[in-house]
Amino acid sequence: MFEDRSYKRTFFSAPQSIESLVAAFLEPGIIVLCYLAVNAYFGEPILRSSLTLCLLVFALTFPGRNRFADNLVSGIIDVLGAWLALLVILALCGYATNSMGYFEDHVLLWWAGITPMLQIAAIVVGKQIQDRISRKTRRGAVIVGGGALGIKVAKALREGPDKGIEFLGYFDDRQDDRLHADASPLLLGMLSDLSDYVRQHNVREVYITLPLGSQPRIVQLLEQIQGTTASLFFVPDVFGISIIQGRLQDMNGVPVVGICETPFTGTNELIKRISDIVLASLILVLISPILLIVAIGVKLSSPGPIIFKQRRNGLDGEEILVYKFRSMRTQDNGAVVKQATKGDPRITPFGAFIRRTSLDELPQFINVLQGRMSIVGPRPHAVAHNEEYRKLIKAYMVRHKVKPGITGWAQVNGLRGETDTIDKMKARVEYDLEYLRNWSLALDLQIIVRTARLMLFDRNAY
């Protein structure tokens, strides 16, 4: 189910569209301008502390997420969740730096209440403008090829964010009994009929889904259609591949289609690293008393070191050392590593407590500051487990395109603790890949908040 959504999102959206550009600045712009407006309404001066807050908020929320194509209810929930997560982060920053006194309480309360309402209003207005523009610029589209790939493309066109596209039908030389059942009723003609149909019906977009083995036919078809004004798109059949951050790139004049790439390049990489450093530093300051108490508890629970250093695979599969509070009497770190299970005799009573509450993971914030890990990302597995699962699970190693995380999308969706079956590990990998396809700073903040809740109430770890 993940491949269909990612394919539609990757190849049928315009990453550099005006809509995306507006969305990138809209969310941080509304938040900052609302704060400044509330200050002005109450006659409060804009001091250095206020400007610092504005810069911090802008850095944490840029680029804003494009919610214009989302269901309105989902968009509202997403806005409220992201705003609540941001307020929690800002409150932690204020507490850690003892800077809450620089801000007026009534200004902060009004800002906290008005901002999400303005964001929701912006989504509603934006969707209305988008729909109005789509109706005025409606354009016909046809698909060459009535096979399974053509059906997937048609579904993507119908359900995609661009409501200005009107799907008209298919062109294919095959008989009805060789076409996909859903394509037969919408067959408009053979390939030789395409050029005339495009001219007569003012078709604006043509999507070619023929297999690469049909290259001579594709070349002939292109020669015919290039005599029209329709935009041409060739859709490669890559559904057997896990697409991660797929995009078309220009390599010194040569078009290259990237289908598996890290989301953390350019400004995204900078945003991710800055947020990791800022949040990890603040969290370490806040939890320092807890670290001390847990360290004493580990030392008293059983003989051995306080910190357990385990070999894991990090970014690009490179081996790293990950820190954890020791929770077991033994330290398996070799070629064969047995996963902890419920009632595992190797786990000390105190170790069971810190594992259940995830307190054993807290030293990994030091790994984050070292640059070995991120706060949010795919959870690192022991090197021995990677060697086992990379042979059994498709695209398993793709999750190493980014730094491993202390918590991740899989963990907040119920896949925390022991993965005692291959199906559980496959599910965890699917969630990790979904995170890579959909990464945003707002998603990271959402995962952090949900993780904090799980630490208090979840018992699916041992």
Protein backbone atom coordinates (compact mmCIF):
# COMPACT_ATOMS: atom_id res chain seq x y z
CA MET A 1 0.00 0.00 0.00
CA PHE A 2 2.95 2.31 0.56
CA GLU A 3 4.29 2.08 -3.00
CA ASP A 4 1.13 3.41 -4.65
CA ARG A 5 0.99 6.53 -2.51
CA SER A 6 4.68 7.30 -2.84
CA TYR A 7 4.62 6.82 -6.60
CA LYS A 8 1.72 9.20 -6.99
CA ARG A 9 3.33 11.74 -4.72
CA THR A 10 6.78 11.44 -6.27
CA PHE A 11 6.03 11.50 -9.96
CA PHE A 12 2.73 13.36 -10.22
CA SER A 13 3.34 16.39 -8.04
CA ALA A 14 5.37 19.48 -8.92
CA PRO A 15 8.00 19.93 -6.21
CA GLN A 16 8.79 23.44 -7.41
CA SER A 17 5.20 24.63 -8.06
CA ILE A 18 3.87 27.98 -6.90
CA GLU A 19 1.54 26.10 -4.55
CA SER A 20 4.53 24.39 -2.88
CA LEU A 21 6.41 27.68 -2.64
CA VAL A 22 3.43 29.38 -0.98
CA ALA A 23 3.00 26.47 1.44
CA ALA A 24 6.69 26.57 2.38
CA PHE A 25 6.42 30.14 3.66
CA LEU A 26 2.75 30.22 4.69
CA GLU A 27 2.94 28.27 7.96
CA PRO A 28 6.07 29.96 9.41
CA GLY A 29 4.86 33.31 8.06
CA ILE A 30 1.46 33.05 9.78
CA ILE A 31 3.04 32.00 13.09
CA VAL A 32 5.59 34.83 13.12
CA LEU A 33 3.21 37.54 11.85
CA CYS A 34 0.52 36.47 14.31
CA TYR A 35 2.96 36.81 17.20
CA LEU A 36 4.04 40.27 16.04
CA ALA A 37 0.40 41.32 15.52
CA VAL A 38 -0.64 40.20 19.02
CA ASN A 39 2.26 42.19 20.49
CA ALA A 40 1.19 45.24 18.51
CA TYR A 41 -2.46 44.84 19.59
CA PHE A 42 -1.48 44.87 23.26
CA GLY A 43 1.03 47.67 22.75
CA GLU A 44 4.02 45.51 23.69
CA PRO A 45 7.39 46.55 22.23
CA ILE A 46 9.26 44.17 19.94
CA LEU A 47 12.38 43.45 21.97
CA ARG A 48 15.41 41.30 21.18
CA SER A 49 13.79 38.35 22.97
CA SER A 50 10.76 38.59 20.69
CA LEU A 51 12.92 38.66 17.57
CA THR A 52 14.86 35.65 18.86
CA LEU A 53 11.59 33.77 19.36
CA CYS A 54 10.48 34.65 15.83
CA LEU A 55 13.75 33.40 14.35
CA LEU A 56 13.55 30.16 16.36
CA VAL A 57 9.94 29.54 15.32
CA PHE A 58 10.74 30.23 11.66
CA ALA A 59 13.71 27.84 11.76
CA LEU A 60 11.60 25.09 13.36
CA THR A 61 8.65 25.39 10.94
CA PHE A 62 10.31 26.18 7.60
CA PRO A 63 9.49 24.86 5.07
CA GLY A 64 5.80 24.60 5.91
CA ARG A 65 3.85 21.55 4.83
CA ASN A 66 1.58 21.73 1.79
CA ARG A 67 -1.85 20.86 3.23
CA PHE A 68 -3.99 22.26 0.41
CA ALA A 69 -4.42 18.81 -1.16
CA ASP A 70 -5.28 17.08 2.11
CA ASN A 71 -8.72 16.27 3.39
CA LEU A 72 -9.89 19.27 5.43
CA VAL A 73 -10.41 17.26 8.63
CA SER A 74 -6.98 15.65 8.28
CA GLY A 75 -5.45 19.07 7.63
CA ILE A 76 -7.04 20.53 10.77
CA ILE A 77 -5.83 17.62 12.90
CA ASP A 78 -2.35 17.95 11.41
CA VAL A 79 -2.25 21.69 12.10
CA LEU A 80 -3.35 21.26 15.71
CA GLY A 81 -0.90 18.41 16.32
CA ALA A 82 2.05 20.25 14.80
CA TRP A 83 1.18 23.46 16.69
CA LEU A 84 0.88 21.64 20.01
CA ALA A 85 4.23 19.91 19.40
CA LEU A 86 5.86 23.26 18.60
CA LEU A 87 4.46 24.84 21.76
CA VAL A 88 5.85 21.96 23.82
CA ILE A 89 9.29 22.44 22.25
CA LEU A 90 9.20 26.21 22.86
CA ALA A 91 8.09 25.67 26.47
CA LEU A 92 11.02 23.29 27.02
CA CYS A 93 13.38 25.86 25.50
CA GLY A 94 11.98 28.59 27.73
CA TYR A 95 12.24 26.42 30.84
CA ALA A 96 15.78 25.24 30.06
CA THR A 97 17.06 28.77 29.34
CA ASN A 98 15.01 30.42 32.11
CA SER A 99 13.71 32.93 29.55
CA MET A 100 9.94 32.70 30.08
CA GLY A 101 10.06 35.91 32.08
CA TYR A 102 10.98 37.90 28.98
CA PHE A 103 7.52 37.33 27.49
CA GLU A 104 4.09 38.55 28.58
CA ASP A 105 1.75 35.69 29.54
CA HIS A 106 -1.34 37.24 27.94
CA VAL A 107 0.53 37.73 24.66
CA LEU A 108 1.64 34.09 24.59
CA LEU A 109 -1.85 32.81 25.43
CA TRP A 110 -3.53 34.85 22.71
CA TRP A 111 -0.83 33.86 20.23
CA ALA A 112 -1.25 30.17 21.12
CA GLY A 113 -5.03 30.38 20.59
CA ILE A 114 -5.21 32.54 17.44
CA THR A 115 -2.38 31.01 15.41
CA PRO A 116 -3.96 27.59 14.67
CA MET A 117 -7.26 29.27 13.75
CA LEU A 118 -5.45 31.46 11.21
CA GLN A 119 -3.61 28.44 9.82
CA ILE A 120 -6.87 26.53 9.39
CA ALA A 121 -8.48 29.57 7.76
CA ALA A 122 -5.52 29.80 5.37
CA ILE A 123 -6.01 26.15 4.40
CA VAL A 124 -9.73 26.68 3.72
CA VAL A 125 -9.11 29.80 1.62
CA GLY A 126 -6.19 28.14 -0.17
CA LYS A 127 -8.29 25.10 -1.09
CA GLN A 128 -11.05 27.33 -2.45
CA ILE A 129 -8.58 29.32 -4.56
CA GLN A 130 -6.98 26.09 -5.77
CA ASP A 131 -10.36 24.61 -6.77
CA ARG A 132 -11.36 27.81 -8.58
CA ILE A 133 -8.11 27.91 -10.54
CA SER A 134 -8.40 24.19 -11.34
CA ARG A 135 -11.89 24.65 -12.79
CA LYS A 136 -10.72 27.53 -15.00
CA THR A 137 -7.62 25.68 -16.22
CA ARG A 138 -9.12 22.20 -16.63
CA ARG A 139 -7.13 20.12 -19.12
CA GLY A 140 -7.72 16.75 -20.70
CA ALA A 141 -5.29 13.86 -20.26
CA VAL A 142 -4.99 10.46 -21.93
CA ILE A 143 -2.87 7.40 -21.18
CA VAL A 144 -1.06 5.27 -23.74
CA GLY A 145 -1.17 1.69 -22.49
CA GLY A 146 -4.11 -0.08 -20.88
CA GLY A 147 -2.12 -2.37 -18.61
CA ALA A 148 -1.60 -2.44 -14.86
CA LEU A 149 0.75 0.56 -14.97
CA GLY A 150 -1.78 2.58 -16.97
CA ILE A 151 -4.43 1.81 -14.35
CA LYS A 152 -2.12 3.02 -11.57
CA VAL A 153 -1.41 6.25 -13.47
CA ALA A 154 -5.12 6.85 -14.06
CA LYS A 155 -5.80 6.39 -10.35
CA ALA A 156 -3.01 8.82 -9.52
CA LEU A 157 -4.45 11.40 -11.93
CA ARG A 158 -7.97 11.08 -10.50
CA GLU A 159 -6.93 11.15 -6.84
CA GLY A 160 -3.95 13.49 -7.09
CA PRO A 161 -3.84 17.03 -5.71
CA ASP A 162 -4.16 18.61 -9.17
CA LYS A 163 -7.94 18.84 -9.68
CA GLY A 164 -7.47 20.59 -13.04
CA ILE A 165 -6.78 17.30 -14.85
CA GLU A 166 -9.68 15.52 -16.57
CA PHE A 167 -8.78 11.92 -17.42
CA LEU A 168 -10.35 10.97 -20.77
CA GLY A 169 -9.27 7.39 -21.47
CA TYR A 170 -6.69 4.97 -22.89
CA PHE A 171 -5.04 4.21 -26.22
CA ASP A 172 -3.71 0.72 -26.88
CA ASP A 173 -3.20 -1.61 -29.88
CA ARG A 174 -4.13 -4.75 -27.94
CA GLN A 175 -7.52 -6.41 -28.06
CA ASP A 176 -9.97 -5.97 -25.16
CA ASP A 177 -9.24 -9.43 -23.76
CA ARG A 178 -5.55 -8.48 -23.31
CA LEU A 179 -6.26 -5.15 -21.61
CA HIS A 180 -6.80 -4.58 -17.94
CA ALA A 181 -10.50 -5.00 -17.09
CA ASP A 182 -10.73 -1.40 -15.84
CA ALA A 183 -9.18 -0.03 -19.05
CA SER A 184 -11.44 -1.71 -21.62
CA PRO A 185 -14.54 0.49 -21.04
CA LEU A 186 -12.41 3.62 -21.46
CA LEU A 187 -10.47 2.57 -24.58
CA LEU A 188 -10.49 5.51 -27.02
CA GLY A 189 -8.64 3.92 -29.92
CA MET A 190 -5.39 2.48 -31.20
CA LEU A 191 -1.99 4.19 -31.08
CA SER A 192 -2.39 5.36 -34.67
CA ASP A 193 -5.53 7.26 -33.61
CA LEU A 194 -3.83 9.15 -30.79
CA SER A 195 -2.40 12.10 -32.72
CA ASP A 196 -5.73 12.99 -34.37
CA TYR A 197 -7.64 12.58 -31.08
CA VAL A 198 -5.20 14.88 -29.27
CA ARG A 199 -5.70 17.61 -31.91
CA GLN A 200 -9.47 17.28 -32.16
CA HIS A 201 -10.15 17.21 -28.41
CA ASN A 202 -7.45 19.66 -27.36
CA VAL A 203 -5.79 17.09 -25.08
CA ARG A 204 -3.16 18.81 -22.97
CA GLU A 205 -1.29 15.87 -21.40
CA VAL A 206 -0.29 12.42 -22.69
CA TYR A 207 1.13 9.78 -20.32
CA ILE A 208 3.03 6.94 -21.98
CA THR A 209 3.05 3.74 -19.91
CA LEU A 210 4.30 1.28 -22.52
CA PRO A 211 7.08 -1.10 -21.40
CA LEU A 212 10.68 -0.36 -22.41
CA GLY A 213 10.53 -3.39 -24.69
CA SER A 214 8.20 -1.34 -26.93
CA GLN A 215 10.92 1.21 -27.71
CA PRO A 216 10.37 1.33 -31.51
CA ARG A 217 6.64 1.95 -30.98
CA ILE A 218 7.42 4.61 -28.37
CA VAL A 219 9.77 6.43 -30.74
CA GLN A 220 7.19 6.34 -33.54
CA LEU A 221 4.49 7.52 -31.14
CA LEU A 222 6.62 10.42 -29.92
CA GLU A 223 7.23 11.56 -33.50
CA GLN A 224 3.48 11.67 -34.08
CA ILE A 225 2.50 13.43 -30.85
CA GLN A 226 5.27 16.02 -31.10
CA GLY A 227 3.28 17.51 -33.94
CA THR A 228 0.68 18.56 -31.33
CA THR A 229 0.82 20.96 -28.39
CA ALA A 230 0.23 18.29 -25.74
CA SER A 231 2.70 17.84 -22.88
CA LEU A 232 4.33 14.40 -22.96
CA PHE A 233 5.20 12.25 -19.94
CA PHE A 234 6.92 8.88 -19.97
CA VAL A 235 6.05 6.78 -16.91
CA PRO A 236 8.69 4.11 -16.14
CA ASP A 237 7.43 0.92 -14.52
CA VAL A 238 9.27 1.08 -11.19
CA PHE A 239 6.58 -0.42 -8.97
CA GLY A 240 8.90 -3.28 -8.09
CA ILE A 241 11.27 -0.77 -6.51
CA SER A 242 10.86 1.03 -3.20
CA ILE A 243 10.84 4.68 -4.26
CA ILE A 244 12.45 7.05 -1.75
CA GLN A 245 12.47 10.78 -2.52
CA GLY A 246 12.23 10.13 -6.27
CA ARG A 247 12.83 13.19 -8.39
CA LEU A 248 14.07 14.25 -11.81
CA GLN A 249 17.48 15.88 -11.68
CA ASP A 250 19.72 17.62 -14.20
CA MET A 251 23.26 16.23 -14.28
CA ASN A 252 25.22 18.65 -16.44
CA GLY A 253 22.54 18.62 -19.10
CA VAL A 254 21.68 14.92 -18.77
CA PRO A 255 18.22 14.17 -17.24
CA VAL A 256 18.51 11.63 -14.42
CA VAL A 257 15.57 10.09 -12.55
CA GLY A 258 16.44 9.52 -8.89
CA ILE A 259 14.31 6.79 -7.31
CA CYS A 260 16.14 6.13 -4.03
CA GLU A 261 17.71 9.13 -2.32
CA THR A 262 18.01 10.51 1.18
CA PRO A 263 15.53 13.28 2.07
CA PHE A 264 18.28 15.08 3.97
CA THR A 265 20.09 17.06 1.31
CA GLY A 266 20.66 20.80 1.01
CA THR A 267 18.55 22.89 3.38
CA ASN A 268 16.74 19.79 4.68
CA GLU A 269 20.04 18.40 5.95
CA LEU A 270 20.84 21.70 7.67
CA ILE A 271 17.38 21.94 9.26
CA LYS A 272 17.54 18.36 10.48
CA ARG A 273 21.00 18.78 12.04
CA ILE A 274 20.22 22.12 13.71
CA SER A 275 16.98 20.77 15.19
CA ASP A 276 18.84 17.69 16.46
CA ILE A 277 21.53 19.77 18.16
CA VAL A 278 19.10 22.25 19.71
CA LEU A 279 16.61 19.64 20.94
CA ALA A 280 19.23 17.13 22.13
CA SER A 281 21.05 19.84 24.11
CA LEU A 282 17.84 21.04 25.75
CA ILE A 283 16.67 17.53 26.54
CA LEU A 284 20.03 16.53 28.05
CA VAL A 285 19.92 19.58 30.31
CA LEU A 286 16.37 18.76 31.40
CA ILE A 287 16.95 15.04 32.01
CA SER A 288 20.38 15.32 33.66
CA PRO A 289 18.93 14.46 37.13
CA ILE A 290 17.20 11.41 35.62
CA LEU A 291 20.44 10.31 33.97
CA LEU A 292 22.22 10.44 37.31
CA ILE A 293 19.49 8.44 39.11
CA VAL A 294 19.36 5.77 36.39
CA ALA A 295 23.17 5.49 36.34
CA ILE A 296 23.19 4.85 40.09
CA GLY A 297 20.40 2.30 39.72
CA VAL A 298 22.27 0.40 37.00
CA LYS A 299 25.47 0.35 39.06
CA LEU A 300 23.64 -1.04 42.08
CA SER A 301 21.55 -3.57 40.14
CA SER A 302 24.38 -5.86 38.99
CA PRO A 303 28.14 -5.93 38.36
CA GLY A 304 29.33 -4.37 35.13
CA PRO A 305 29.60 -1.02 33.34
CA ILE A 306 26.84 1.57 33.52
CA ILE A 307 26.86 2.26 29.79
CA PHE A 308 26.54 -0.54 27.25
CA LYS A 309 28.09 0.24 23.86
CA GLN A 310 26.57 -1.80 21.06
CA ARG A 311 27.76 -2.00 17.47
CA ARG A 312 25.07 -0.81 15.08
CA ASN A 313 24.88 0.24 11.44
CA GLY A 314 24.45 3.97 10.96
CA LEU A 315 24.27 6.31 7.97
CA ASP A 316 25.11 4.52 4.69
CA GLY A 317 25.59 1.29 6.66
CA GLU A 318 28.74 2.47 8.43
CA GLU A 319 29.34 0.83 11.79
CA ILE A 320 28.82 3.05 14.85
CA LEU A 321 28.74 2.61 18.62
CA VAL A 322 25.37 3.32 20.22
CA TYR A 323 25.12 4.11 23.95
CA LYS A 324 22.49 2.60 26.25
CA PHE A 325 22.15 2.14 29.97
CA ARG A 326 23.00 -1.50 30.62
CA SER A 327 19.85 -3.48 31.40
CA MET A 328 21.23 -7.04 31.21
CA ARG A 329 23.69 -9.12 33.14
CA THR A 330 25.35 -10.20 29.87
CA GLN A 331 26.44 -8.02 26.97
CA ASP A 332 25.85 -9.71 23.60
CA ASN A 333 27.69 -7.75 20.94
CA GLY A 334 29.18 -10.35 18.63
CA ALA A 335 28.30 -12.11 15.40
CA VAL A 336 25.13 -13.55 16.96
CA VAL A 337 22.89 -11.29 19.05
CA LYS A 338 19.74 -12.68 20.64
CA GLN A 339 16.91 -10.16 20.91
CA ALA A 340 15.46 -9.50 24.33
CA THR A 341 12.19 -11.32 24.96
CA LYS A 342 9.47 -11.08 27.56
CA GLY A 343 10.72 -12.60 30.82
CA ASP A 344 14.29 -12.77 29.49
CA PRO A 345 16.49 -14.07 32.37
CA ARG A 346 19.39 -11.90 31.21
CA ILE A 347 17.48 -8.72 32.13
CA THR A 348 17.86 -7.41 35.68
CA PRO A 349 14.76 -6.22 37.59
CA PHE A 350 15.96 -2.63 37.34
CA GLY A 351 16.84 -3.25 33.69
CA ALA A 352 13.28 -4.39 33.00
CA PHE A 353 12.00 -1.12 34.43
CA ILE A 354 14.26 1.13 32.36
CA ARG A 355 13.56 -0.89 29.22
CA ARG A 356 9.80 -0.70 29.75
CA THR A 357 9.98 3.08 30.21
CA SER A 358 12.68 3.55 27.50
CA LEU A 359 14.97 5.17 30.07
CA ASP A 360 17.75 2.88 28.83
CA GLU A 361 17.77 4.82 25.54
CA LEU A 362 18.48 8.24 27.09
CA PRO A 363 22.31 8.16 26.63
CA GLN A 364 21.69 8.13 22.89
CA PHE A 365 21.12 11.88 23.02
CA ILE A 366 24.90 12.02 23.36
CA ASN A 367 25.11 10.01 20.12
CA VAL A 368 22.90 12.70 18.54
CA LEU A 369 25.30 15.49 19.56
CA GLN A 370 28.19 13.40 18.20
CA GLY A 371 26.44 13.27 14.84
CA ARG A 372 26.11 9.48 14.83
CA MET A 373 22.34 9.47 15.34
CA SER A 374 19.29 11.68 15.00
CA ILE A 375 16.47 12.12 17.51
CA VAL A 376 13.97 10.79 14.96
CA GLY A 377 14.81 8.15 12.39
CA PRO A 378 14.77 4.40 11.79
CA ARG A 379 15.81 2.57 14.96
CA PRO A 380 19.29 1.02 14.62
CA HIS A 381 19.49 -2.74 14.82
CA ALA A 382 22.49 -4.77 15.92
CA VAL A 383 24.99 -5.42 13.13
CA ALA A 384 24.30 -9.15 13.41
CA HIS A 385 20.56 -8.56 12.87
CA ASN A 386 21.23 -6.39 9.81
CA GLU A 387 23.29 -9.13 8.22
CA GLU A 388 20.39 -11.51 8.76
CA TYR A 389 17.48 -9.32 7.66
CA ARG A 390 19.13 -7.66 4.65
CA LYS A 391 18.91 -11.09 2.95
CA LEU A 392 15.29 -11.69 3.91
CA ILE A 393 13.52 -8.32 3.56
CA LYS A 394 13.30 -6.33 0.37
CA ALA A 395 14.80 -2.81 0.60
CA TYR A 396 15.85 -3.44 4.21
CA MET A 397 19.12 -1.49 3.88
CA VAL A 398 17.38 1.52 2.32
CA ARG A 399 16.52 2.62 5.87
CA HIS A 400 20.24 3.34 6.29
CA LYS A 401 20.02 6.25 3.82
CA VAL A 402 19.61 8.42 6.93
CA LYS A 403 21.05 8.46 10.43
CA PRO A 404 19.37 6.05 12.86
CA GLY A 405 17.07 7.59 15.43
CA ILE A 406 16.32 7.31 19.13
CA THR A 407 12.67 6.98 18.15
CA GLY A 408 10.90 6.58 14.85
CA TRP A 409 7.67 6.36 12.88
CA ALA A 410 7.53 2.59 13.34
CA GLN A 411 7.90 2.83 17.12
CA VAL A 412 5.00 5.27 17.58
CA ASN A 413 2.82 3.03 15.39
CA GLY A 414 3.01 0.01 17.66
CA LEU A 415 6.23 -1.62 16.43
CA ARG A 416 8.25 -1.09 19.57
CA GLY A 417 10.05 -3.83 21.42
CA GLU A 418 10.79 -7.34 20.21
CA THR A 419 10.42 -8.19 16.51
CA ASP A 420 10.10 -11.94 16.97
CA THR A 421 8.74 -12.69 13.48
CA ILE A 422 9.85 -11.76 9.99
CA ASP A 423 6.43 -10.15 9.39
CA LYS A 424 6.94 -7.76 12.30
CA MET A 425 10.33 -6.74 10.97
CA LYS A 426 8.88 -6.25 7.48
CA ALA A 427 6.19 -4.00 8.95
CA ARG A 428 8.82 -2.00 10.83
CA VAL A 429 10.84 -1.53 7.64
CA GLU A 430 7.70 -0.40 5.75
CA TYR A 431 7.07 2.30 8.35
CA ASP A 432 10.72 3.37 8.21
CA LEU A 433 10.53 3.74 4.42
CA GLU A 434 7.25 5.64 4.74
CA TYR A 435 9.02 8.06 7.11
CA LEU A 436 11.77 8.66 4.53
CA ARG A 437 9.18 9.37 1.84
CA ASN A 438 7.22 11.85 3.96
CA TRP A 439 9.83 13.53 6.17
CA SER A 440 9.17 17.00 7.47
CA LEU A 441 10.16 18.83 10.64
CA ALA A 442 6.50 18.83 11.69
CA LEU A 443 6.46 15.02 11.38
CA ASP A 444 9.58 14.81 13.57
CA LEU A 445 7.94 16.96 16.24
CA GLN A 446 4.79 14.83 16.09
CA ILE A 447 6.83 11.65 16.59
CA ILE A 448 8.70 13.18 19.56
CA VAL A 449 5.43 14.11 21.29
CA ARG A 450 3.90 10.67 20.64
CA THR A 451 7.08 9.02 21.93
CA ALA A 452 6.88 10.95 25.20
CA ARG A 453 3.32 9.69 25.64
CA LEU A 454 4.36 6.10 24.91
CA MET A 455 7.15 6.27 27.50
CA LEU A 456 4.53 6.94 30.14
CA PHE A 457 1.75 4.58 29.05
CA ASP A 458 3.07 1.89 26.68
CA ARG A 459 4.14 -1.50 27.97
CA ASN A 460 5.18 -3.12 24.68
CA ALA A 461 8.89 -3.25 25.52
CA TYR A 462 11.03 -5.54 27.61
